[in-house]
Amino acid sequence: MEPIVGAVLAGGASRRMGTPKATLDLGGRPLLEYPLAAVQGAGLEPAVVAKPGSPLPPLAVPRWDEPAEPTHPLTGIVAALTAARGRPVLAVACDMPFVTAELLADLAARAGPLVVPEVDGRLHALLARWDPSLLPALRDALEREAPLHVVATELDAQRIDEAELRRFGDPARLLFNVNDPGDLDRAAAML
């Protein structure tokens, strides 16, 4: 059986950061390298999904281009599922430097069409296992530009709660994402 694809999503507009996140320096490495290393450490088949022309650091893994429009997180997830040729995809945002290989391996091994961490009542669907059977529903959600957390709720995601996440570390750290310059400073301090 082929391994599940670990797709690092790097196609975001990065409006709050003001510069592409994937290439940001964090501790002397591009931000994208942290979740990519976790994907590889989890034994998943790695790929980076980005908009055509998105600046990325040099990659030793496949780059899959998502459509230029729309700018919606589901665009990358749908592109990854399409490129994965019928295999599930564990999607992880490129701005999650503290996600661990152990957590990714656990999420990838779970059954069910959609598996999503939940902390403080909030679904973190940019770190989720997506089954290819969801593609029609995801394309429909993308067409109506439904928010990602709404889509996860509509699809009755299997939720991984804080207690389960704690087996892999502090949930706030594991799910920390870099959205703006202040977050980048906080991430540097957390390294």
N, C-alpha and C. Protein backbone atom coordinates (compact mmCIF):
# COMPACT_ATOMS: atom_id res chain seq x y z
N MET A 1 0.83 -1.18 0.00
CA MET A 1 0.00 0.00 0.00
C MET A 1 0.89 1.26 0.00
N GLU A 2 0.54 2.19 -0.85
CA GLU A 2 1.32 3.43 -0.93
C GLU A 2 1.11 4.27 0.32
N PRO A 3 2.13 5.01 0.75
CA PRO A 3 1.96 5.85 1.94
C PRO A 3 1.01 7.01 1.68
N ILE A 4 0.41 7.46 2.76
CA ILE A 4 -0.44 8.66 2.70
C ILE A 4 0.45 9.84 2.32
N VAL A 5 -0.11 10.76 1.58
CA VAL A 5 0.62 11.96 1.19
C VAL A 5 0.60 12.96 2.35
N GLY A 6 1.75 13.50 2.66
CA GLY A 6 1.85 14.60 3.61
C GLY A 6 2.05 15.87 2.81
N ALA A 7 0.99 16.65 2.66
CA ALA A 7 1.02 17.84 1.82
C ALA A 7 1.21 19.09 2.67
N VAL A 8 2.33 19.75 2.48
CA VAL A 8 2.58 21.02 3.17
C VAL A 8 1.98 22.13 2.30
N LEU A 9 1.01 22.83 2.86
CA LEU A 9 0.28 23.85 2.13
C LEU A 9 1.01 25.19 2.21
N ALA A 10 1.42 25.71 1.06
CA ALA A 10 2.20 26.95 1.01
C ALA A 10 1.63 27.93 -0.01
N GLY A 11 0.32 27.86 -0.25
CA GLY A 11 -0.29 28.70 -1.27
C GLY A 11 -1.06 29.89 -0.74
N GLY A 12 -0.92 30.16 0.55
CA GLY A 12 -1.66 31.27 1.15
C GLY A 12 -1.16 32.63 0.69
N ALA A 13 -2.03 33.62 0.82
CA ALA A 13 -1.70 34.98 0.38
C ALA A 13 -0.76 35.70 1.35
N SER A 14 -0.70 35.25 2.61
CA SER A 14 0.21 35.83 3.60
C SER A 14 -0.01 37.33 3.79
N ARG A 15 -1.27 37.73 3.80
CA ARG A 15 -1.60 39.16 3.91
C ARG A 15 -1.13 39.78 5.23
N ARG A 16 -1.36 39.08 6.33
CA ARG A 16 -0.97 39.63 7.64
C ARG A 16 0.54 39.68 7.82
N MET A 17 1.24 38.75 7.17
CA MET A 17 2.70 38.73 7.30
C MET A 17 3.32 39.77 6.37
N GLY A 18 2.72 39.94 5.20
CA GLY A 18 3.25 40.91 4.24
C GLY A 18 4.35 40.39 3.35
N THR A 19 4.73 39.14 3.55
CA THR A 19 5.76 38.50 2.74
C THR A 19 5.47 37.00 2.73
N PRO A 20 5.86 36.27 1.70
CA PRO A 20 5.56 34.83 1.67
C PRO A 20 6.11 34.10 2.89
N LYS A 21 5.26 33.32 3.53
CA LYS A 21 5.65 32.65 4.77
C LYS A 21 6.66 31.53 4.55
N ALA A 22 6.52 30.79 3.46
CA ALA A 22 7.34 29.59 3.27
C ALA A 22 8.84 29.88 3.34
N THR A 23 9.24 31.08 2.91
CA THR A 23 10.66 31.41 2.86
C THR A 23 11.15 32.21 4.07
N LEU A 24 10.26 32.53 5.00
CA LEU A 24 10.67 33.29 6.18
C LEU A 24 11.75 32.54 6.96
N ASP A 25 12.71 33.28 7.47
CA ASP A 25 13.77 32.67 8.27
C ASP A 25 13.29 32.49 9.70
N LEU A 26 13.41 31.26 10.20
CA LEU A 26 13.14 30.95 11.60
C LEU A 26 14.29 30.08 12.09
N GLY A 27 15.10 30.63 12.94
CA GLY A 27 16.24 29.88 13.47
C GLY A 27 17.23 29.45 12.41
N GLY A 28 17.37 30.26 11.35
CA GLY A 28 18.33 29.95 10.30
C GLY A 28 17.83 29.00 9.23
N ARG A 29 16.54 28.66 9.29
CA ARG A 29 15.94 27.77 8.29
C ARG A 29 14.65 28.40 7.76
N PRO A 30 14.28 28.09 6.52
CA PRO A 30 12.99 28.56 6.02
C PRO A 30 11.85 27.93 6.83
N LEU A 31 10.83 28.71 7.12
CA LEU A 31 9.69 28.25 7.92
C LEU A 31 9.11 26.95 7.38
N LEU A 32 9.01 26.82 6.07
CA LEU A 32 8.43 25.63 5.45
C LEU A 32 9.18 24.36 5.82
N GLU A 33 10.47 24.46 6.10
CA GLU A 33 11.26 23.26 6.38
C GLU A 33 10.82 22.54 7.66
N TYR A 34 10.24 23.26 8.61
CA TYR A 34 9.85 22.62 9.87
C TYR A 34 8.71 21.62 9.68
N PRO A 35 7.57 22.02 9.11
CA PRO A 35 6.52 21.01 8.91
C PRO A 35 6.91 19.96 7.87
N LEU A 36 7.72 20.34 6.89
CA LEU A 36 8.16 19.37 5.89
C LEU A 36 9.01 18.28 6.55
N ALA A 37 9.88 18.66 7.47
CA ALA A 37 10.68 17.67 8.19
C ALA A 37 9.79 16.75 9.03
N ALA A 38 8.73 17.30 9.62
CA ALA A 38 7.79 16.48 10.40
C ALA A 38 7.07 15.48 9.49
N VAL A 39 6.66 15.93 8.31
CA VAL A 39 6.00 15.04 7.34
C VAL A 39 6.94 13.89 6.98
N GLN A 40 8.19 14.21 6.69
CA GLN A 40 9.15 13.18 6.32
C GLN A 40 9.43 12.25 7.50
N GLY A 41 9.54 12.82 8.69
CA GLY A 41 9.78 12.01 9.89
C GLY A 41 8.63 11.07 10.21
N ALA A 42 7.42 11.43 9.77
CA ALA A 42 6.23 10.60 10.00
C ALA A 42 6.12 9.47 8.97
N GLY A 43 7.02 9.45 7.99
CA GLY A 43 6.99 8.40 6.98
C GLY A 43 5.95 8.62 5.90
N LEU A 44 5.47 9.84 5.77
CA LEU A 44 4.48 10.16 4.75
C LEU A 44 5.19 10.52 3.45
N GLU A 45 4.47 10.41 2.34
CA GLU A 45 5.05 10.83 1.07
C GLU A 45 4.95 12.35 0.99
N PRO A 46 6.07 13.08 1.01
CA PRO A 46 6.00 14.54 1.09
C PRO A 46 5.73 15.22 -0.25
N ALA A 47 5.01 16.31 -0.17
CA ALA A 47 4.79 17.20 -1.32
C ALA A 47 4.51 18.59 -0.76
N VAL A 48 4.83 19.60 -1.54
CA VAL A 48 4.52 20.99 -1.18
C VAL A 48 3.51 21.48 -2.21
N VAL A 49 2.42 22.07 -1.73
CA VAL A 49 1.36 22.57 -2.60
C VAL A 49 1.37 24.09 -2.51
N ALA A 50 1.49 24.76 -3.67
CA ALA A 50 1.57 26.22 -3.68
C ALA A 50 0.96 26.77 -4.96
N LYS A 51 0.70 28.06 -4.95
CA LYS A 51 0.23 28.74 -6.15
C LYS A 51 1.36 28.78 -7.18
N PRO A 52 1.04 28.79 -8.47
CA PRO A 52 2.10 28.94 -9.47
C PRO A 52 2.88 30.23 -9.19
N GLY A 53 4.18 30.14 -9.21
CA GLY A 53 5.00 31.32 -8.98
C GLY A 53 5.22 31.67 -7.52
N SER A 54 4.61 30.91 -6.59
CA SER A 54 4.85 31.18 -5.16
C SER A 54 6.32 30.96 -4.85
N PRO A 55 6.96 31.93 -4.19
CA PRO A 55 8.36 31.70 -3.81
C PRO A 55 8.46 30.62 -2.75
N LEU A 56 9.34 29.68 -2.99
CA LEU A 56 9.59 28.59 -2.05
C LEU A 56 11.09 28.42 -1.90
N PRO A 57 11.53 27.91 -0.75
CA PRO A 57 12.95 27.57 -0.65
C PRO A 57 13.24 26.40 -1.58
N PRO A 58 14.51 26.10 -1.84
CA PRO A 58 14.83 24.93 -2.66
C PRO A 58 14.20 23.68 -2.05
N LEU A 59 13.59 22.84 -2.90
CA LEU A 59 12.89 21.65 -2.43
C LEU A 59 13.52 20.38 -2.99
N ALA A 60 13.56 19.35 -2.16
CA ALA A 60 13.99 18.03 -2.60
C ALA A 60 12.78 17.10 -2.67
N VAL A 61 11.58 17.67 -2.67
CA VAL A 61 10.32 16.92 -2.73
C VAL A 61 9.48 17.50 -3.86
N PRO A 62 8.46 16.79 -4.33
CA PRO A 62 7.62 17.34 -5.39
C PRO A 62 6.89 18.62 -4.97
N ARG A 63 6.76 19.51 -5.93
CA ARG A 63 5.95 20.71 -5.76
C ARG A 63 4.72 20.52 -6.64
N TRP A 64 3.54 20.64 -6.04
CA TRP A 64 2.30 20.54 -6.78
C TRP A 64 1.67 21.92 -6.81
N ASP A 65 1.42 22.43 -8.00
CA ASP A 65 0.79 23.74 -8.12
C ASP A 65 -0.73 23.62 -8.00
N GLU A 66 -1.29 24.48 -7.18
CA GLU A 66 -2.74 24.60 -7.07
C GLU A 66 -3.17 25.72 -8.01
N PRO A 67 -4.45 25.80 -8.37
CA PRO A 67 -4.90 26.91 -9.23
C PRO A 67 -4.62 28.27 -8.59
N ALA A 68 -4.35 29.26 -9.43
CA ALA A 68 -4.09 30.61 -8.94
C ALA A 68 -5.29 31.20 -8.21
N GLU A 69 -6.47 30.81 -8.63
CA GLU A 69 -7.70 31.28 -7.98
C GLU A 69 -8.58 30.07 -7.70
N PRO A 70 -9.36 30.11 -6.65
CA PRO A 70 -9.48 31.16 -5.66
C PRO A 70 -8.37 31.06 -4.61
N THR A 71 -8.21 32.13 -3.85
CA THR A 71 -7.28 32.12 -2.73
C THR A 71 -8.08 31.68 -1.50
N HIS A 72 -8.12 30.39 -1.30
CA HIS A 72 -8.89 29.77 -0.21
C HIS A 72 -8.11 28.54 0.21
N PRO A 73 -8.05 28.24 1.52
CA PRO A 73 -7.28 27.07 1.96
C PRO A 73 -7.70 25.76 1.30
N LEU A 74 -8.98 25.65 0.96
CA LEU A 74 -9.45 24.42 0.31
C LEU A 74 -8.83 24.22 -1.07
N THR A 75 -8.38 25.29 -1.70
CA THR A 75 -7.77 25.17 -3.03
C THR A 75 -6.57 24.22 -2.95
N GLY A 76 -5.71 24.41 -1.96
CA GLY A 76 -4.55 23.55 -1.81
C GLY A 76 -4.90 22.13 -1.41
N ILE A 77 -5.92 21.99 -0.56
CA ILE A 77 -6.34 20.66 -0.12
C ILE A 77 -6.93 19.88 -1.29
N VAL A 78 -7.78 20.53 -2.08
CA VAL A 78 -8.36 19.87 -3.26
C VAL A 78 -7.25 19.52 -4.26
N ALA A 79 -6.30 20.43 -4.47
CA ALA A 79 -5.19 20.15 -5.39
C ALA A 79 -4.37 18.96 -4.91
N ALA A 80 -4.11 18.89 -3.60
CA ALA A 80 -3.33 17.78 -3.05
C ALA A 80 -4.08 16.46 -3.21
N LEU A 81 -5.36 16.44 -2.90
CA LEU A 81 -6.15 15.22 -3.04
C LEU A 81 -6.20 14.77 -4.50
N THR A 82 -6.30 15.71 -5.41
CA THR A 82 -6.35 15.39 -6.83
C THR A 82 -5.01 14.79 -7.28
N ALA A 83 -3.91 15.41 -6.86
CA ALA A 83 -2.58 14.94 -7.25
C ALA A 83 -2.22 13.63 -6.57
N ALA A 84 -2.84 13.34 -5.43
CA ALA A 84 -2.51 12.12 -4.66
C ALA A 84 -3.09 10.86 -5.29
N ARG A 85 -3.86 11.00 -6.35
CA ARG A 85 -4.36 9.84 -7.11
C ARG A 85 -5.07 8.81 -6.24
N GLY A 86 -6.09 9.26 -5.51
CA GLY A 86 -6.91 8.32 -4.76
C GLY A 86 -6.41 7.97 -3.38
N ARG A 87 -5.32 8.58 -2.95
CA ARG A 87 -4.81 8.32 -1.60
C ARG A 87 -5.24 9.44 -0.66
N PRO A 88 -5.36 9.14 0.63
CA PRO A 88 -5.65 10.20 1.59
C PRO A 88 -4.48 11.18 1.66
N VAL A 89 -4.79 12.37 2.14
CA VAL A 89 -3.80 13.43 2.28
C VAL A 89 -3.84 13.94 3.72
N LEU A 90 -2.68 14.01 4.33
CA LEU A 90 -2.55 14.71 5.60
C LEU A 90 -2.02 16.09 5.25
N ALA A 91 -2.88 17.09 5.38
CA ALA A 91 -2.49 18.47 5.07
C ALA A 91 -1.95 19.13 6.32
N VAL A 92 -0.88 19.90 6.14
CA VAL A 92 -0.31 20.68 7.23
C VAL A 92 0.14 22.02 6.66
N ALA A 93 -0.22 23.09 7.34
CA ALA A 93 0.14 24.42 6.86
C ALA A 93 1.65 24.64 6.99
N CYS A 94 2.19 25.42 6.05
CA CYS A 94 3.64 25.67 6.04
C CYS A 94 4.09 26.55 7.20
N ASP A 95 3.13 27.14 7.91
CA ASP A 95 3.48 28.07 9.00
C ASP A 95 3.33 27.44 10.38
N MET A 96 3.44 26.11 10.45
CA MET A 96 3.33 25.39 11.72
C MET A 96 4.68 24.77 12.09
N PRO A 97 5.58 25.56 12.69
CA PRO A 97 6.94 25.06 12.91
C PRO A 97 7.08 24.02 14.01
N PHE A 98 6.07 23.87 14.88
CA PHE A 98 6.24 22.99 16.04
C PHE A 98 5.42 21.70 15.97
N VAL A 99 4.77 21.46 14.84
CA VAL A 99 4.05 20.20 14.68
C VAL A 99 5.08 19.08 14.64
N THR A 100 4.74 17.94 15.24
CA THR A 100 5.73 16.85 15.35
C THR A 100 5.41 15.69 14.42
N ALA A 101 6.45 14.95 14.09
CA ALA A 101 6.29 13.76 13.25
C ALA A 101 5.37 12.76 13.94
N GLU A 102 5.46 12.64 15.24
CA GLU A 102 4.63 11.68 15.99
C GLU A 102 3.15 12.03 15.87
N LEU A 103 2.83 13.31 15.99
CA LEU A 103 1.43 13.73 15.84
C LEU A 103 0.96 13.47 14.41
N LEU A 104 1.77 13.82 13.41
CA LEU A 104 1.38 13.60 12.03
C LEU A 104 1.17 12.12 11.74
N ALA A 105 2.05 11.27 12.25
CA ALA A 105 1.90 9.83 12.04
C ALA A 105 0.60 9.33 12.66
N ASP A 106 0.27 9.83 13.83
CA ASP A 106 -0.97 9.42 14.50
C ASP A 106 -2.19 9.85 13.69
N LEU A 107 -2.21 11.10 13.25
CA LEU A 107 -3.34 11.59 12.45
C LEU A 107 -3.46 10.79 11.15
N ALA A 108 -2.35 10.52 10.51
CA ALA A 108 -2.37 9.79 9.24
C ALA A 108 -2.90 8.37 9.41
N ALA A 109 -2.65 7.76 10.56
CA ALA A 109 -3.05 6.37 10.80
C ALA A 109 -4.52 6.22 11.17
N ARG A 110 -5.18 7.30 11.46
CA ARG A 110 -6.59 7.22 11.88
C ARG A 110 -7.50 6.97 10.69
N ALA A 111 -8.56 6.23 10.96
CA ALA A 111 -9.56 5.97 9.92
C ALA A 111 -10.60 7.09 9.94
N GLY A 112 -11.39 7.13 8.90
CA GLY A 112 -12.43 8.14 8.82
C GLY A 112 -12.12 9.12 7.72
N PRO A 113 -13.17 9.69 7.14
CA PRO A 113 -12.95 10.58 6.00
C PRO A 113 -12.22 11.87 6.36
N LEU A 114 -12.43 12.38 7.58
CA LEU A 114 -11.80 13.65 7.97
C LEU A 114 -11.46 13.60 9.45
N VAL A 115 -10.19 13.84 9.75
CA VAL A 115 -9.71 13.82 11.13
C VAL A 115 -9.04 15.17 11.39
N VAL A 116 -9.52 15.88 12.43
CA VAL A 116 -9.09 17.26 12.68
C VAL A 116 -8.84 17.48 14.18
N PRO A 117 -7.71 18.11 14.54
CA PRO A 117 -7.52 18.50 15.93
C PRO A 117 -8.49 19.62 16.33
N GLU A 118 -8.89 19.58 17.60
CA GLU A 118 -9.78 20.62 18.13
C GLU A 118 -9.23 21.08 19.48
N VAL A 119 -9.02 22.39 19.61
CA VAL A 119 -8.53 22.97 20.86
C VAL A 119 -9.40 24.17 21.18
N ASP A 120 -9.84 24.25 22.42
CA ASP A 120 -10.70 25.35 22.88
C ASP A 120 -11.93 25.53 21.98
N GLY A 121 -12.49 24.40 21.53
CA GLY A 121 -13.68 24.46 20.69
C GLY A 121 -13.43 24.88 19.26
N ARG A 122 -12.17 25.04 18.87
CA ARG A 122 -11.83 25.48 17.52
C ARG A 122 -11.19 24.34 16.74
N LEU A 123 -11.75 24.07 15.56
CA LEU A 123 -11.18 23.05 14.68
C LEU A 123 -9.97 23.62 13.94
N HIS A 124 -8.89 22.87 13.89
CA HIS A 124 -7.67 23.30 13.21
C HIS A 124 -7.52 22.49 11.92
N ALA A 125 -8.36 22.83 10.94
CA ALA A 125 -8.46 22.02 9.72
C ALA A 125 -7.29 22.22 8.75
N LEU A 126 -6.36 23.11 9.05
CA LEU A 126 -5.15 23.20 8.23
C LEU A 126 -4.10 22.17 8.68
N LEU A 127 -4.48 21.37 9.66
CA LEU A 127 -3.72 20.19 10.05
C LEU A 127 -4.76 19.08 10.15
N ALA A 128 -4.97 18.35 9.07
CA ALA A 128 -6.05 17.38 9.05
C ALA A 128 -5.78 16.28 8.04
N ARG A 129 -6.38 15.13 8.30
CA ARG A 129 -6.32 14.00 7.36
C ARG A 129 -7.61 14.03 6.54
N TRP A 130 -7.46 14.14 5.22
CA TRP A 130 -8.59 14.26 4.29
C TRP A 130 -8.62 13.03 3.39
N ASP A 131 -9.78 12.39 3.28
CA ASP A 131 -9.94 11.23 2.43
C ASP A 131 -10.38 11.67 1.03
N PRO A 132 -9.93 10.98 -0.01
CA PRO A 132 -10.32 11.37 -1.37
C PRO A 132 -11.83 11.29 -1.62
N SER A 133 -12.55 10.51 -0.82
CA SER A 133 -14.01 10.43 -0.98
C SER A 133 -14.68 11.78 -0.72
N LEU A 134 -13.97 12.69 -0.08
CA LEU A 134 -14.52 14.01 0.23
C LEU A 134 -14.41 15.00 -0.92
N LEU A 135 -13.70 14.64 -1.98
CA LEU A 135 -13.44 15.60 -3.06
C LEU A 135 -14.71 16.28 -3.60
N PRO A 136 -15.80 15.56 -3.91
CA PRO A 136 -16.99 16.27 -4.41
C PRO A 136 -17.52 17.32 -3.42
N ALA A 137 -17.57 16.96 -2.16
CA ALA A 137 -18.05 17.91 -1.14
C ALA A 137 -17.09 19.08 -0.99
N LEU A 138 -15.80 18.83 -1.09
CA LEU A 138 -14.81 19.90 -0.97
C LEU A 138 -14.87 20.84 -2.17
N ARG A 139 -15.06 20.28 -3.35
CA ARG A 139 -15.20 21.15 -4.53
C ARG A 139 -16.44 22.03 -4.42
N ASP A 140 -17.52 21.45 -3.90
CA ASP A 140 -18.75 22.23 -3.69
C ASP A 140 -18.51 23.34 -2.66
N ALA A 141 -17.84 23.01 -1.57
CA ALA A 141 -17.54 24.00 -0.53
C ALA A 141 -16.64 25.10 -1.06
N LEU A 142 -15.69 24.73 -1.91
CA LEU A 142 -14.80 25.71 -2.52
C LEU A 142 -15.58 26.64 -3.44
N GLU A 143 -16.49 26.08 -4.18
CA GLU A 143 -17.33 26.87 -5.09
C GLU A 143 -18.11 27.95 -4.33
N ARG A 144 -18.60 27.59 -3.14
CA ARG A 144 -19.37 28.56 -2.34
C ARG A 144 -18.50 29.31 -1.34
N GLU A 145 -17.18 29.07 -1.40
CA GLU A 145 -16.21 29.75 -0.55
C GLU A 145 -16.54 29.63 0.94
N ALA A 146 -16.95 28.44 1.34
CA ALA A 146 -17.27 28.18 2.74
C ALA A 146 -15.99 28.23 3.57
N PRO A 147 -16.04 28.84 4.75
CA PRO A 147 -14.87 28.83 5.64
C PRO A 147 -14.45 27.39 5.99
N LEU A 148 -13.16 27.19 6.13
CA LEU A 148 -12.62 25.85 6.33
C LEU A 148 -13.20 25.18 7.58
N HIS A 149 -13.32 25.91 8.68
CA HIS A 149 -13.86 25.29 9.90
C HIS A 149 -15.33 24.91 9.73
N VAL A 150 -16.06 25.67 8.91
CA VAL A 150 -17.46 25.33 8.61
C VAL A 150 -17.51 24.04 7.81
N VAL A 151 -16.63 23.92 6.83
CA VAL A 151 -16.57 22.71 6.00
C VAL A 151 -16.28 21.50 6.89
N ALA A 152 -15.31 21.62 7.78
CA ALA A 152 -14.96 20.52 8.67
C ALA A 152 -16.16 20.12 9.54
N THR A 153 -16.91 21.10 10.00
CA THR A 153 -18.10 20.82 10.81
C THR A 153 -19.17 20.14 9.96
N GLU A 154 -19.41 20.67 8.77
CA GLU A 154 -20.41 20.09 7.87
C GLU A 154 -20.09 18.64 7.53
N LEU A 155 -18.81 18.32 7.41
CA LEU A 155 -18.38 16.98 7.04
C LEU A 155 -18.27 16.04 8.24
N ASP A 156 -18.71 16.53 9.40
CA ASP A 156 -18.73 15.73 10.62
C ASP A 156 -17.35 15.12 10.91
N ALA A 157 -16.37 16.00 10.96
CA ALA A 157 -14.99 15.58 11.20
C ALA A 157 -14.85 14.81 12.50
N GLN A 158 -14.01 13.79 12.46
CA GLN A 158 -13.59 13.13 13.70
C GLN A 158 -12.66 14.11 14.40
N ARG A 159 -12.96 14.46 15.62
CA ARG A 159 -12.19 15.48 16.33
C ARG A 159 -11.19 14.84 17.28
N ILE A 160 -9.98 15.35 17.25
CA ILE A 160 -8.93 14.92 18.17
C ILE A 160 -8.84 16.01 19.23
N ASP A 161 -9.25 15.69 20.45
CA ASP A 161 -9.35 16.72 21.48
C ASP A 161 -8.01 16.99 22.16
N GLU A 162 -8.03 18.00 23.03
CA GLU A 162 -6.81 18.43 23.72
C GLU A 162 -6.15 17.32 24.51
N ALA A 163 -6.96 16.51 25.18
CA ALA A 163 -6.40 15.41 25.98
C ALA A 163 -5.60 14.46 25.09
N GLU A 164 -6.13 14.11 23.93
CA GLU A 164 -5.40 13.24 23.01
C GLU A 164 -4.15 13.93 22.46
N LEU A 165 -4.27 15.22 22.14
CA LEU A 165 -3.13 15.97 21.61
C LEU A 165 -1.99 16.05 22.62
N ARG A 166 -2.33 16.12 23.90
CA ARG A 166 -1.30 16.25 24.94
C ARG A 166 -0.32 15.08 24.96
N ARG A 167 -0.72 13.94 24.39
CA ARG A 167 0.22 12.80 24.29
C ARG A 167 1.44 13.18 23.47
N PHE A 168 1.29 14.20 22.61
CA PHE A 168 2.36 14.60 21.69
C PHE A 168 3.02 15.91 22.09
N GLY A 169 2.57 16.52 23.18
CA GLY A 169 3.13 17.79 23.63
C GLY A 169 2.04 18.79 23.95
N ASP A 170 2.44 20.01 24.17
CA ASP A 170 1.51 21.09 24.49
C ASP A 170 0.70 21.43 23.23
N PRO A 171 -0.63 21.25 23.26
CA PRO A 171 -1.43 21.54 22.06
C PRO A 171 -1.23 22.95 21.51
N ALA A 172 -1.06 23.93 22.37
CA ALA A 172 -0.87 25.30 21.89
C ALA A 172 0.43 25.41 21.09
N ARG A 173 1.45 24.69 21.50
CA ARG A 173 2.72 24.70 20.77
C ARG A 173 2.60 23.89 19.47
N LEU A 174 2.04 22.70 19.57
CA LEU A 174 1.90 21.83 18.39
C LEU A 174 1.15 22.52 17.26
N LEU A 175 0.11 23.28 17.60
CA LEU A 175 -0.76 23.90 16.60
C LEU A 175 -0.44 25.37 16.35
N PHE A 176 0.64 25.86 16.96
CA PHE A 176 1.03 27.26 16.79
C PHE A 176 1.31 27.53 15.32
N ASN A 177 0.72 28.61 14.80
CA ASN A 177 1.04 28.99 13.43
C ASN A 177 1.46 30.44 13.36
N VAL A 178 2.32 30.73 12.41
CA VAL A 178 2.93 32.04 12.24
C VAL A 178 2.10 32.83 11.24
N ASN A 179 1.32 33.78 11.75
CA ASN A 179 0.45 34.57 10.88
C ASN A 179 0.94 35.99 10.64
N ASP A 180 1.72 36.53 11.56
CA ASP A 180 2.16 37.92 11.43
C ASP A 180 3.56 38.05 12.03
N PRO A 181 4.21 39.21 11.88
CA PRO A 181 5.57 39.37 12.40
C PRO A 181 5.70 39.09 13.90
N GLY A 182 4.68 39.43 14.69
CA GLY A 182 4.72 39.12 16.12
C GLY A 182 4.76 37.63 16.38
N ASP A 183 4.01 36.86 15.59
CA ASP A 183 4.04 35.40 15.72
C ASP A 183 5.41 34.84 15.38
N LEU A 184 6.05 35.43 14.37
CA LEU A 184 7.39 34.97 13.99
C LEU A 184 8.37 35.22 15.14
N ASP A 185 8.25 36.38 15.79
CA ASP A 185 9.09 36.66 16.96
C ASP A 185 8.82 35.67 18.08
N ARG A 186 7.54 35.35 18.32
CA ARG A 186 7.18 34.38 19.36
C ARG A 186 7.74 33.00 19.03
N ALA A 187 7.65 32.61 17.74
CA ALA A 187 8.18 31.31 17.33
C ALA A 187 9.69 31.25 17.55
N ALA A 188 10.39 32.33 17.24
CA ALA A 188 11.84 32.37 17.43
C ALA A 188 12.16 32.20 18.91
N ALA A 189 11.38 32.83 19.78
CA ALA A 189 11.60 32.72 21.21
C ALA A 189 11.29 31.30 21.72
N MET A 190 10.37 30.61 21.05
CA MET A 190 9.97 29.25 21.45
C MET A 190 10.96 28.18 20.99
N LEU A 191 11.80 28.50 20.02
CA LEU A 191 12.75 27.50 19.48
C LEU A 191 13.71 27.00 20.55
